[in-house]
Amino acid sequence: MKEKAQKMISCKIAAKLMSLSCERKLTLKEQIALKAHLAVCETCRNCQRQIKALQKILPDYIQAVLRFPPPPELSLPLAAQKRILKNLAAQTD
C-alpha cells in the first residue's frame, strides 16, 4: 500500500507546533513535520533556539521575581501577579 507523501508545513504551522511543544509533548506526526521544516528553514531554527533559551532561563527568572519583587508603583495588582506566577510555574513543571 502506498503512503501519501507528507507536504512540508508552513512557518506559521511550525511556529504553532513550537509553541505547543512548550505546553505538551508533540505527537510523532507533529514532531516529524516540525523536524522536517526545521531542517530547511533557518528562520524557524533561530526561533526554536530562542524558545529553548527562554525555557532554560524561565525558572531562574521566576525565582528572582519571587525574591525581589518590583516596587509597588511598577507592580501589577497582587491577584494578577499571582495568576501570572502560577501560569509561569505551570509552564516549568
C-alpha atoms as a PDB file:
ATOM      1  CA  MET A   1       0.000   0.000   0.000  1.00  0.00           C
ATOM      2  CA  LYS A   2       1.386   3.390  -0.968  1.00  0.00           C
ATOM      3  CA  GLU A   3       1.757   6.043   1.703  1.00  0.00           C
ATOM      4  CA  LYS A   4       0.867   9.627   0.917  1.00  0.00           C
ATOM      5  CA  ALA A   5       3.835  11.972   0.692  1.00  0.00           C
ATOM      6  CA  GLN A   6       3.886  14.465   3.521  1.00  0.00           C
ATOM      7  CA  LYS A   7       3.527  18.080   2.448  1.00  0.00           C
ATOM      8  CA  MET A   8       6.030  20.454   4.068  1.00  0.00           C
ATOM      9  CA  ILE A   9       4.415  22.568   6.766  1.00  0.00           C
ATOM     10  CA  SER A  10       4.491  26.366   6.639  1.00  0.00           C
ATOM     11  CA  CYS A  11       6.400  28.608   9.025  1.00  0.00           C
ATOM     12  CA  LYS A  12       3.070  29.551  10.614  1.00  0.00           C
ATOM     13  CA  ILE A  13       2.293  25.902  11.399  1.00  0.00           C
ATOM     14  CA  ALA A  14       5.883  25.345  12.577  1.00  0.00           C
ATOM     15  CA  ALA A  15       5.545  28.291  14.974  1.00  0.00           C
ATOM     16  CA  LYS A  16       2.308  26.837  16.336  1.00  0.00           C
ATOM     17  CA  LEU A  17       3.995  23.467  16.855  1.00  0.00           C
ATOM     18  CA  MET A  18       6.957  25.092  18.607  1.00  0.00           C
ATOM     19  CA  SER A  19       4.536  26.907  20.880  1.00  0.00           C
ATOM     20  CA  LEU A  20       2.542  23.733  21.534  1.00  0.00           C
ATOM     21  CA  SER A  21       5.741  21.871  22.396  1.00  0.00           C
ATOM     22  CA  CYS A  22       6.106  24.224  25.380  1.00  0.00           C
ATOM     23  CA  GLU A  23       2.745  23.041  26.690  1.00  0.00           C
ATOM     24  CA  ARG A  24       2.704  19.364  25.816  1.00  0.00           C
ATOM     25  CA  LYS A  25       4.630  16.590  24.115  1.00  0.00           C
ATOM     26  CA  LEU A  26       4.101  16.718  20.363  1.00  0.00           C
ATOM     27  CA  THR A  27       2.686  13.680  18.624  1.00  0.00           C
ATOM     28  CA  LEU A  28       5.089  11.683  16.475  1.00  0.00           C
ATOM     29  CA  LYS A  29       3.486  13.115  13.335  1.00  0.00           C
ATOM     30  CA  GLU A  30       3.882  16.666  14.691  1.00  0.00           C
ATOM     31  CA  GLN A  31       7.496  16.012  15.695  1.00  0.00           C
ATOM     32  CA  ILE A  32       8.372  14.680  12.231  1.00  0.00           C
ATOM     33  CA  ALA A  33       6.654  17.583  10.472  1.00  0.00           C
ATOM     34  CA  LEU A  34       8.418  20.137  12.674  1.00  0.00           C
ATOM     35  CA  LYS A  35      11.835  18.490  12.326  1.00  0.00           C
ATOM     36  CA  ALA A  36      11.454  18.329   8.544  1.00  0.00           C
ATOM     37  CA  HIS A  37      10.555  22.015   8.446  1.00  0.00           C
ATOM     38  CA  LEU A  38      13.408  22.991  10.763  1.00  0.00           C
ATOM     39  CA  ALA A  39      15.834  21.085   8.545  1.00  0.00           C
ATOM     40  CA  VAL A  40      15.155  23.538   5.711  1.00  0.00           C
ATOM     41  CA  CYS A  41      14.122  26.771   7.453  1.00  0.00           C
ATOM     42  CA  GLU A  42      16.842  28.793   9.155  1.00  0.00           C
ATOM     43  CA  THR A  43      14.379  31.403  10.435  1.00  0.00           C
ATOM     44  CA  CYS A  44      12.354  28.799  12.317  1.00  0.00           C
ATOM     45  CA  ARG A  45      15.538  27.150  13.641  1.00  0.00           C
ATOM     46  CA  ASN A  46      16.524  30.532  15.087  1.00  0.00           C
ATOM     47  CA  CYS A  47      13.059  30.907  16.593  1.00  0.00           C
ATOM     48  CA  GLN A  48      13.291  27.462  18.168  1.00  0.00           C
ATOM     49  CA  ARG A  49      16.714  28.285  19.639  1.00  0.00           C
ATOM     50  CA  GLN A  50      15.238  31.423  21.201  1.00  0.00           C
ATOM     51  CA  ILE A  51      12.293  29.484  22.646  1.00  0.00           C
ATOM     52  CA  LYS A  52      14.641  26.904  24.155  1.00  0.00           C
ATOM     53  CA  ALA A  53      16.837  29.648  25.625  1.00  0.00           C
ATOM     54  CA  LEU A  54      13.789  31.290  27.215  1.00  0.00           C
ATOM     55  CA  GLN A  55      12.633  27.953  28.625  1.00  0.00           C
ATOM     56  CA  LYS A  56      16.075  27.471  30.136  1.00  0.00           C
ATOM     57  CA  ILE A  57      16.143  30.838  31.934  1.00  0.00           C
ATOM     58  CA  LEU A  58      12.466  30.956  32.907  1.00  0.00           C
ATOM     59  CA  PRO A  59      12.817  29.069  36.235  1.00  0.00           C
ATOM     60  CA  ASP A  60      15.610  31.412  37.389  1.00  0.00           C
ATOM     61  CA  TYR A  61      13.567  34.435  36.321  1.00  0.00           C
ATOM     62  CA  ILE A  62      10.561  33.246  38.309  1.00  0.00           C
ATOM     63  CA  GLN A  63      12.715  32.731  41.395  1.00  0.00           C
ATOM     64  CA  ALA A  64      14.250  36.206  41.024  1.00  0.00           C
ATOM     65  CA  VAL A  65      10.832  37.829  40.751  1.00  0.00           C
ATOM     66  CA  LEU A  66       9.676  35.973  43.837  1.00  0.00           C
ATOM     67  CA  ARG A  67      12.775  37.052  45.813  1.00  0.00           C
ATOM     68  CA  PHE A  68      12.988  40.625  44.538  1.00  0.00           C
ATOM     69  CA  PRO A  69       9.548  41.923  43.588  1.00  0.00           C
ATOM     70  CA  PRO A  70       9.386  45.258  41.770  1.00  0.00           C
ATOM     71  CA  PRO A  71       8.444  48.407  43.705  1.00  0.00           C
ATOM     72  CA  PRO A  72       4.696  48.901  44.236  1.00  0.00           C
ATOM     73  CA  GLU A  73       4.422  51.711  41.683  1.00  0.00           C
ATOM     74  CA  LEU A  74       5.671  49.319  38.980  1.00  0.00           C
ATOM     75  CA  SER A  75       3.692  46.315  40.141  1.00  0.00           C
ATOM     76  CA  LEU A  76       0.533  44.754  38.866  1.00  0.00           C
ATOM     77  CA  PRO A  77      -2.236  44.106  41.366  1.00  0.00           C
ATOM     78  CA  LEU A  78      -1.357  41.198  43.656  1.00  0.00           C
ATOM     79  CA  ALA A  79      -4.096  38.964  42.210  1.00  0.00           C
ATOM     80  CA  ALA A  80      -2.731  39.466  38.685  1.00  0.00           C
ATOM     81  CA  GLN A  81       0.821  38.764  39.861  1.00  0.00           C
ATOM     82  CA  LYS A  82      -0.277  35.528  41.497  1.00  0.00           C
ATOM     83  CA  ARG A  83      -2.117  34.398  38.340  1.00  0.00           C
ATOM     84  CA  ILE A  84       0.908  35.120  36.171  1.00  0.00           C
ATOM     85  CA  LEU A  85       3.346  33.402  38.519  1.00  0.00           C
ATOM     86  CA  LYS A  86       1.039  30.391  38.800  1.00  0.00           C
ATOM     87  CA  ASN A  87       0.862  30.123  34.995  1.00  0.00           C
ATOM     88  CA  LEU A  88       4.628  30.550  34.626  1.00  0.00           C
ATOM     89  CA  ALA A  89       5.302  27.929  37.267  1.00  0.00           C
ATOM     90  CA  ALA A  90       2.956  25.522  35.488  1.00  0.00           C
ATOM     91  CA  GLN A  91       4.995  26.002  32.300  1.00  0.00           C
ATOM     92  CA  THR A  92       8.195  24.885  34.011  1.00  0.00           C
ATOM     93  CA  ASP A  93       6.722  21.716  35.564  1.00  0.00           C
END
